[in-house]
């Protein structure tokens, strides 16, 4: 059953990619309000202020247009 679910997930992902839907990486990038939705700020001494520290939800683009913003936590 698990193998079947993974197969369905792979098939759905390939179908979405064929239609131009792709995810984008946010961790380590500067916060961009046009691509990110800030959920919280975090005291992060390793990163520069305004840098995305963690993703709570992945963001997606459809033919290079924002489909869903990434839900992120940002360093203070």
PDB file of N, CA and C in Angstrom:
ATOM      1  N   UNK A   1       0.817  -1.186   0.000  1.00  0.00           N
ATOM      2  CA  UNK A   1       0.000   0.000   0.000  1.00  0.00           C
ATOM      3  C   UNK A   1       0.873   1.267   0.000  1.00  0.00           C
ATOM      4  N   UNK A   2       1.949   1.263   0.795  1.00  0.00           N
ATOM      5  CA  UNK A   2       2.845   2.419   0.860  1.00  0.00           C
ATOM      6  C   UNK A   2       3.508   2.662  -0.496  1.00  0.00           C
ATOM      7  N   UNK A   3       3.926   1.594  -1.141  1.00  0.00           N
ATOM      8  CA  UNK A   3       4.557   1.734  -2.461  1.00  0.00           C
ATOM      9  C   UNK A   3       3.570   2.333  -3.468  1.00  0.00           C
ATOM     10  N   UNK A   4       2.314   1.959  -3.366  1.00  0.00           N
ATOM     11  CA  UNK A   4       1.296   2.510  -4.247  1.00  0.00           C
ATOM     12  C   UNK A   4       1.094   4.000  -4.020  1.00  0.00           C
ATOM     13  N   UNK A   5       1.099   4.429  -2.761  1.00  0.00           N
ATOM     14  CA  UNK A   5       0.952   5.854  -2.448  1.00  0.00           C
ATOM     15  C   UNK A   5       2.139   6.656  -2.963  1.00  0.00           C
ATOM     16  N   UNK A   6       3.358   6.116  -2.795  1.00  0.00           N
ATOM     17  CA  UNK A   6       4.534   6.811  -3.323  1.00  0.00           C
ATOM     18  C   UNK A   6       4.473   6.910  -4.850  1.00  0.00           C
ATOM     19  N   UNK A   7       3.982   5.854  -5.493  1.00  0.00           N
ATOM     20  CA  UNK A   7       3.837   5.882  -6.940  1.00  0.00           C
ATOM     21  C   UNK A   7       2.838   6.946  -7.389  1.00  0.00           C
ATOM     22  N   UNK A   8       1.729   7.067  -6.674  1.00  0.00           N
ATOM     23  CA  UNK A   8       0.741   8.100  -6.995  1.00  0.00           C
ATOM     24  C   UNK A   8       1.318   9.491  -6.792  1.00  0.00           C
ATOM     25  N   UNK A   9       2.114   9.668  -5.719  1.00  0.00           N
ATOM     26  CA  UNK A   9       2.739  10.964  -5.447  1.00  0.00           C
ATOM     27  C   UNK A   9       3.711  11.329  -6.570  1.00  0.00           C
ATOM     28  N   UNK A  10       4.540  10.389  -7.002  1.00  0.00           N
ATOM     29  CA  UNK A  10       5.482  10.646  -8.101  1.00  0.00           C
ATOM     30  C   UNK A  10       4.740  11.000  -9.388  1.00  0.00           C
ATOM     31  N   UNK A  11       3.668  10.294  -9.673  1.00  0.00           N
ATOM     32  CA  UNK A  11       2.890  10.546 -10.891  1.00  0.00           C
ATOM     33  C   UNK A  11       2.254  11.933 -10.851  1.00  0.00           C
ATOM     34  N   UNK A  12       1.685  12.305  -9.699  1.00  0.00           N
ATOM     35  CA  UNK A  12       1.076  13.625  -9.554  1.00  0.00           C
ATOM     36  C   UNK A  12       2.125  14.722  -9.687  1.00  0.00           C
ATOM     37  N   UNK A  13       3.293  14.534  -9.070  1.00  0.00           N
ATOM     38  CA  UNK A  13       4.366  15.521  -9.158  1.00  0.00           C
ATOM     39  C   UNK A  13       4.833  15.694 -10.601  1.00  0.00           C
ATOM     40  N   UNK A  14       4.984  14.601 -11.329  1.00  0.00           N
ATOM     41  CA  UNK A  14       5.430  14.714 -12.722  1.00  0.00           C
ATOM     42  C   UNK A  14       4.355  15.371 -13.587  1.00  0.00           C
ATOM     43  N   UNK A  15       3.084  15.105 -13.304  1.00  0.00           N
ATOM     44  CA  UNK A  15       1.997  15.741 -14.039  1.00  0.00           C
ATOM     45  C   UNK A  15       1.985  17.248 -13.799  1.00  0.00           C
ATOM     46  N   UNK A  16       2.154  17.672 -12.540  1.00  0.00           N
ATOM     47  CA  UNK A  16       2.186  19.103 -12.223  1.00  0.00           C
ATOM     48  C   UNK A  16       3.395  19.788 -12.853  1.00  0.00           C
ATOM     49  N   UNK A  17       4.556  19.138 -12.818  1.00  0.00           N
ATOM     50  CA  UNK A  17       5.749  19.716 -13.436  1.00  0.00           C
ATOM     51  C   UNK A  17       5.567  19.855 -14.944  1.00  0.00           C
ATOM     52  N   UNK A  18       4.892  18.909 -15.574  1.00  0.00           N
ATOM     53  CA  UNK A  18       4.641  18.989 -17.010  1.00  0.00           C
ATOM     54  C   UNK A  18       3.730  20.169 -17.347  1.00  0.00           C
ATOM     55  N   UNK A  19       2.877  20.570 -16.407  1.00  0.00           N
ATOM     56  CA  UNK A  19       1.979  21.712 -16.610  1.00  0.00           C
ATOM     57  C   UNK A  19       2.605  23.040 -16.182  1.00  0.00           C
ATOM     58  N   UNK A  20       3.865  23.009 -15.711  1.00  0.00           N
ATOM     59  CA  UNK A  20       4.573  24.233 -15.367  1.00  0.00           C
ATOM     60  C   UNK A  20       4.555  24.607 -13.900  1.00  0.00           C
ATOM     61  N   UNK A  21       4.071  23.714 -13.030  1.00  0.00           N
ATOM     62  CA  UNK A  21       4.051  23.988 -11.586  1.00  0.00           C
ATOM     63  C   UNK A  21       5.348  23.466 -10.986  1.00  0.00           C
ATOM     64  N   UNK A  22       6.056  24.326 -10.242  1.00  0.00           N
ATOM     65  CA  UNK A  22       7.292  23.897  -9.585  1.00  0.00           C
ATOM     66  C   UNK A  22       7.419  24.616  -8.247  1.00  0.00           C
ATOM     67  N   UNK A  23       8.084  23.957  -7.311  1.00  0.00           N
ATOM     68  CA  UNK A  23       8.304  24.556  -5.994  1.00  0.00           C
ATOM     69  C   UNK A  23       9.597  25.369  -6.019  1.00  0.00           C
ATOM     70  N   UNK A  24       9.741  26.256  -5.031  1.00  0.00           N
ATOM     71  CA  UNK A  24      10.975  27.022  -4.922  1.00  0.00           C
ATOM     72  C   UNK A  24      11.497  26.975  -3.493  1.00  0.00           C
ATOM     73  N   UNK A  25      12.806  27.038  -3.378  1.00  0.00           N
ATOM     74  CA  UNK A  25      13.504  26.978  -2.085  1.00  0.00           C
ATOM     75  C   UNK A  25      13.557  28.367  -1.473  1.00  0.00           C
ATOM     76  N   UNK A  26      13.282  28.467  -0.169  1.00  0.00           N
ATOM     77  CA  UNK A  26      13.274  29.764   0.502  1.00  0.00           C
ATOM     78  C   UNK A  26      14.300  29.883   1.616  1.00  0.00           C
ATOM     79  N   UNK A  27      14.686  28.771   2.237  1.00  0.00           N
ATOM     80  CA  UNK A  27      15.589  28.808   3.389  1.00  0.00           C
ATOM     81  C   UNK A  27      16.943  29.379   2.965  1.00  0.00           C
ATOM     82  N   UNK A  28      17.407  30.364   3.726  1.00  0.00           N
ATOM     83  CA  UNK A  28      18.685  31.009   3.440  1.00  0.00           C
ATOM     84  C   UNK A  28      18.571  32.203   2.508  1.00  0.00           C
ATOM     85  N   UNK A  29      17.402  32.421   1.928  1.00  0.00           N
ATOM     86  CA  UNK A  29      17.178  33.538   1.017  1.00  0.00           C
ATOM     87  C   UNK A  29      16.672  34.756   1.795  1.00  0.00           C
ATOM     88  N   UNK A  30      16.882  35.963   1.281  1.00  0.00           N
ATOM     89  CA  UNK A  30      16.297  37.151   1.920  1.00  0.00           C
ATOM     90  C   UNK A  30      14.769  37.105   1.826  1.00  0.00           C
ATOM     91  N   UNK A  31      14.108  37.595   2.856  1.00  0.00           N
ATOM     92  CA  UNK A  31      12.649  37.624   2.862  1.00  0.00           C
ATOM     93  C   UNK A  31      12.153  38.523   1.743  1.00  0.00           C
ATOM     94  N   UNK A  32      11.247  38.011   0.934  1.00  0.00           N
ATOM     95  CA  UNK A  32      10.649  38.750  -0.181  1.00  0.00           C
ATOM     96  C   UNK A  32       9.136  38.688  -0.008  1.00  0.00           C
ATOM     97  N   UNK A  33       8.490  39.800   0.338  1.00  0.00           N
ATOM     98  CA  UNK A  33       7.048  39.761   0.589  1.00  0.00           C
ATOM     99  C   UNK A  33       6.208  39.393  -0.635  1.00  0.00           C
ATOM    100  N   UNK A  34       6.787  39.436  -1.822  1.00  0.00           N
ATOM    101  CA  UNK A  34       6.036  39.028  -3.009  1.00  0.00           C
ATOM    102  C   UNK A  34       6.056  37.514  -3.205  1.00  0.00           C
ATOM    103  N   UNK A  35       6.944  36.804  -2.484  1.00  0.00           N
ATOM    104  CA  UNK A  35       7.047  35.343  -2.599  1.00  0.00           C
ATOM    105  C   UNK A  35       6.862  34.609  -1.286  1.00  0.00           C
ATOM    106  N   UNK A  36       6.949  35.345  -0.161  1.00  0.00           N
ATOM    107  CA  UNK A  36       6.891  34.709   1.156  1.00  0.00           C
ATOM    108  C   UNK A  36       5.770  35.283   2.015  1.00  0.00           C
ATOM    109  N   UNK A  37       5.225  34.444   2.866  1.00  0.00           N
ATOM    110  CA  UNK A  37       4.266  34.855   3.886  1.00  0.00           C
ATOM    111  C   UNK A  37       4.930  34.588   5.232  1.00  0.00           C
ATOM    112  N   UNK A  38       5.215  35.654   5.986  1.00  0.00           N
ATOM    113  CA  UNK A  38       5.912  35.511   7.258  1.00  0.00           C
ATOM    114  C   UNK A  38       4.946  35.040   8.334  1.00  0.00           C
ATOM    115  N   UNK A  39       5.296  33.952   8.994  1.00  0.00           N
ATOM    116  CA  UNK A  39       4.495  33.431  10.095  1.00  0.00           C
ATOM    117  C   UNK A  39       5.001  33.928  11.436  1.00  0.00           C
ATOM    118  N   UNK A  40       6.327  34.098  11.539  1.00  0.00           N
ATOM    119  CA  UNK A  40       6.926  34.513  12.806  1.00  0.00           C
ATOM    120  C   UNK A  40       8.337  35.024  12.555  1.00  0.00           C
ATOM    121  N   UNK A  41       8.861  35.715  13.554  1.00  0.00           N
ATOM    122  CA  UNK A  41      10.277  36.084  13.539  1.00  0.00           C
ATOM    123  C   UNK A  41      10.989  35.241  14.587  1.00  0.00           C
ATOM    124  N   UNK A  42      12.239  34.935  14.314  1.00  0.00           N
ATOM    125  CA  UNK A  42      13.022  34.047  15.171  1.00  0.00           C
ATOM    126  C   UNK A  42      14.340  34.728  15.490  1.00  0.00           C
ATOM    127  N   UNK A  43      14.767  34.602  16.725  1.00  0.00           N
ATOM    128  CA  UNK A  43      16.100  35.099  17.091  1.00  0.00           C
ATOM    129  C   UNK A  43      17.118  34.078  16.599  1.00  0.00           C
ATOM    130  N   UNK A  44      17.764  34.415  15.500  1.00  0.00           N
ATOM    131  CA  UNK A  44      18.714  33.503  14.883  1.00  0.00           C
ATOM    132  C   UNK A  44      20.056  34.211  14.792  1.00  0.00           C
ATOM    133  N   UNK A  45      21.007  33.768  15.580  1.00  0.00           N
ATOM    134  CA  UNK A  45      22.296  34.457  15.638  1.00  0.00           C
ATOM    135  C   UNK A  45      23.209  34.061  14.485  1.00  0.00           C
ATOM    136  N   UNK A  46      22.904  32.999  13.773  1.00  0.00           N
ATOM    137  CA  UNK A  46      23.741  32.557  12.661  1.00  0.00           C
ATOM    138  C   UNK A  46      23.405  33.270  11.350  1.00  0.00           C
ATOM    139  N   UNK A  47      22.157  33.705  11.214  1.00  0.00           N
ATOM    140  CA  UNK A  47      21.736  34.320   9.959  1.00  0.00           C
ATOM    141  C   UNK A  47      21.592  35.822  10.080  1.00  0.00           C
ATOM    142  N   UNK A  48      21.655  36.493   8.957  1.00  0.00           N
ATOM    143  CA  UNK A  48      21.480  37.943   8.914  1.00  0.00           C
ATOM    144  C   UNK A  48      20.003  38.277   9.135  1.00  0.00           C
ATOM    145  N   UNK A  49      19.723  39.428   9.727  1.00  0.00           N
ATOM    146  CA  UNK A  49      18.323  39.828   9.898  1.00  0.00           C
ATOM    147  C   UNK A  49      17.613  39.897   8.545  1.00  0.00           C
ATOM    148  N   UNK A  50      16.374  39.410   8.524  1.00  0.00           N
ATOM    149  CA  UNK A  50      15.601  39.423   7.294  1.00  0.00           C
ATOM    150  C   UNK A  50      15.800  38.199   6.423  1.00  0.00           C
ATOM    151  N   UNK A  51      16.555  37.216   6.919  1.00  0.00           N
ATOM    152  CA  UNK A  51      16.805  35.990   6.173  1.00  0.00           C
ATOM    153  C   UNK A  51      15.797  34.922   6.575  1.00  0.00           C
ATOM    154  N   UNK A  52      15.318  34.161   5.624  1.00  0.00           N
ATOM    155  CA  UNK A  52      14.387  33.074   5.908  1.00  0.00           C
ATOM    156  C   UNK A  52      15.134  31.950   6.610  1.00  0.00           C
ATOM    157  N   UNK A  53      14.615  31.560   7.789  1.00  0.00           N
ATOM    158  CA  UNK A  53      15.260  30.548   8.620  1.00  0.00           C
ATOM    159  C   UNK A  53      14.624  29.172   8.410  1.00  0.00           C
ATOM    160  N   UNK A  54      13.311  29.128   8.224  1.00  0.00           N
ATOM    161  CA  UNK A  54      12.594  27.861   8.184  1.00  0.00           C
ATOM    162  C   UNK A  54      11.351  27.988   7.304  1.00  0.00           C
ATOM    163  N   UNK A  55      10.984  26.902   6.646  1.00  0.00           N
ATOM    164  CA  UNK A  55       9.753  26.860   5.857  1.00  0.00           C
ATOM    165  C   UNK A  55       8.715  26.017   6.586  1.00  0.00           C
ATOM    166  N   UNK A  56       7.540  26.579   6.803  1.00  0.00           N
ATOM    167  CA  UNK A  56       6.428  25.806   7.345  1.00  0.00           C
ATOM    168  C   UNK A  56       5.595  25.238   6.201  1.00  0.00           C
ATOM    169  N   UNK A  57       5.652  25.876   5.040  1.00  0.00           N
ATOM    170  CA  UNK A  57       4.942  25.413   3.854  1.00  0.00           C
ATOM    171  C   UNK A  57       5.676  25.848   2.609  1.00  0.00           C
ATOM    172  N   UNK A  58       5.863  24.931   1.701  1.00  0.00           N
ATOM    173  CA  UNK A  58       6.604  25.202   0.472  1.00  0.00           C
ATOM    174  C   UNK A  58       5.810  26.133  -0.438  1.00  0.00           C
ATOM    175  N   UNK A  59       6.510  26.997  -1.150  1.00  0.00           N
ATOM    176  CA  UNK A  59       5.887  27.889  -2.118  1.00  0.00           C
ATOM    177  C   UNK A  59       5.955  27.292  -3.512  1.00  0.00           C
ATOM    178  N   UNK A  60       5.009  27.671  -4.366  1.00  0.00           N
ATOM    179  CA  UNK A  60       4.935  27.119  -5.716  1.00  0.00           C
ATOM    180  C   UNK A  60       4.760  28.217  -6.755  1.00  0.00           C
ATOM    181  N   UNK A  61       5.376  27.988  -7.906  1.00  0.00           N
ATOM    182  CA  UNK A  61       5.249  28.874  -9.064  1.00  0.00           C
ATOM    183  C   UNK A  61       4.549  28.111 -10.178  1.00  0.00           C
ATOM    184  N   UNK A  62       3.779  28.831 -10.976  1.00  0.00           N
ATOM    185  CA  UNK A  62       3.145  28.249 -12.153  1.00  0.00           C
ATOM    186  C   UNK A  62       3.548  29.103 -13.334  1.00  0.00           C
ATOM    187  N   UNK A  63       4.389  28.555 -14.191  1.00  0.00           N
ATOM    188  CA  UNK A  63       4.951  29.284 -15.334  1.00  0.00           C
ATOM    189  C   UNK A  63       5.566  30.606 -14.874  1.00  0.00           C
ATOM    190  N   UNK A  64       6.363  30.549 -13.822  1.00  0.00           N
ATOM    191  CA  UNK A  64       7.091  31.672 -13.233  1.00  0.00           C
ATOM    192  C   UNK A  64       6.191  32.736 -12.615  1.00  0.00           C
ATOM    193  N   UNK A  65       4.929  32.432 -12.370  1.00  0.00           N
ATOM    194  CA  UNK A  65       4.030  33.310 -11.618  1.00  0.00           C
ATOM    195  C   UNK A  65       3.719  32.633 -10.294  1.00  0.00           C
ATOM    196  N   UNK A  66       3.570  33.438  -9.250  1.00  0.00           N
ATOM    197  CA  UNK A  66       3.329  32.885  -7.923  1.00  0.00           C
ATOM    198  C   UNK A  66       1.969  32.206  -7.862  1.00  0.00           C
ATOM    199  N   UNK A  67       1.984  30.938  -7.504  1.00  0.00           N
ATOM    200  CA  UNK A  67       0.758  30.175  -7.321  1.00  0.00           C
ATOM    201  C   UNK A  67       0.382  30.154  -5.844  1.00  0.00           C
ATOM    202  N   UNK A  68       1.382  29.901  -4.982  1.00  0.00           N
ATOM    203  CA  UNK A  68       1.180  29.904  -3.541  1.00  0.00           C
ATOM    204  C   UNK A  68       2.461  30.397  -2.872  1.00  0.00           C
ATOM    205  N   UNK A  69       2.368  31.396  -1.977  1.00  0.00           N
ATOM    206  CA  UNK A  69       3.577  31.869  -1.301  1.00  0.00           C
ATOM    207  C   UNK A  69       4.087  30.842  -0.294  1.00  0.00           C
ATOM    208  N   UNK A  70       5.377  30.875  -0.068  1.00  0.00           N
ATOM    209  CA  UNK A  70       5.971  30.017   0.954  1.00  0.00           C
ATOM    210  C   UNK A  70       5.651  30.611   2.322  1.00  0.00           C
ATOM    211  N   UNK A  71       5.292  29.764   3.272  1.00  0.00           N
ATOM    212  CA  UNK A  71       5.010  30.204   4.640  1.00  0.00           C
ATOM    213  C   UNK A  71       6.296  29.997   5.431  1.00  0.00           C
ATOM    214  N   UNK A  72       6.891  31.100   5.908  1.00  0.00           N
ATOM    215  CA  UNK A  72       8.254  31.047   6.450  1.00  0.00           C
ATOM    216  C   UNK A  72       8.382  31.725   7.816  1.00  0.00           C
ATOM    217  N   UNK A  73       9.491  31.397   8.484  1.00  0.00           N
ATOM    218  CA  UNK A  73       9.916  32.089   9.691  1.00  0.00           C
ATOM    219  C   UNK A  73      11.179  32.879   9.317  1.00  0.00           C
ATOM    220  N   UNK A  74      11.259  34.111   9.810  1.00  0.00           N
ATOM    221  CA  UNK A  74      12.314  35.035   9.377  1.00  0.00           C
ATOM    222  C   UNK A  74      13.174  35.425  10.585  1.00  0.00           C
ATOM    223  N   UNK A  75      14.492  35.545  10.373  1.00  0.00           N
ATOM    224  CA  UNK A  75      15.412  35.968  11.430  1.00  0.00           C
ATOM    225  C   UNK A  75      15.197  37.422  11.759  1.00  0.00           C
ATOM    226  N   UNK A  76      15.256  37.757  13.068  1.00  0.00           N
ATOM    227  CA  UNK A  76      15.107  39.146  13.513  1.00  0.00           C
ATOM    228  C   UNK A  76      16.363  39.923  13.233  1.00  0.00           C
TER     229      UNK A  76
END
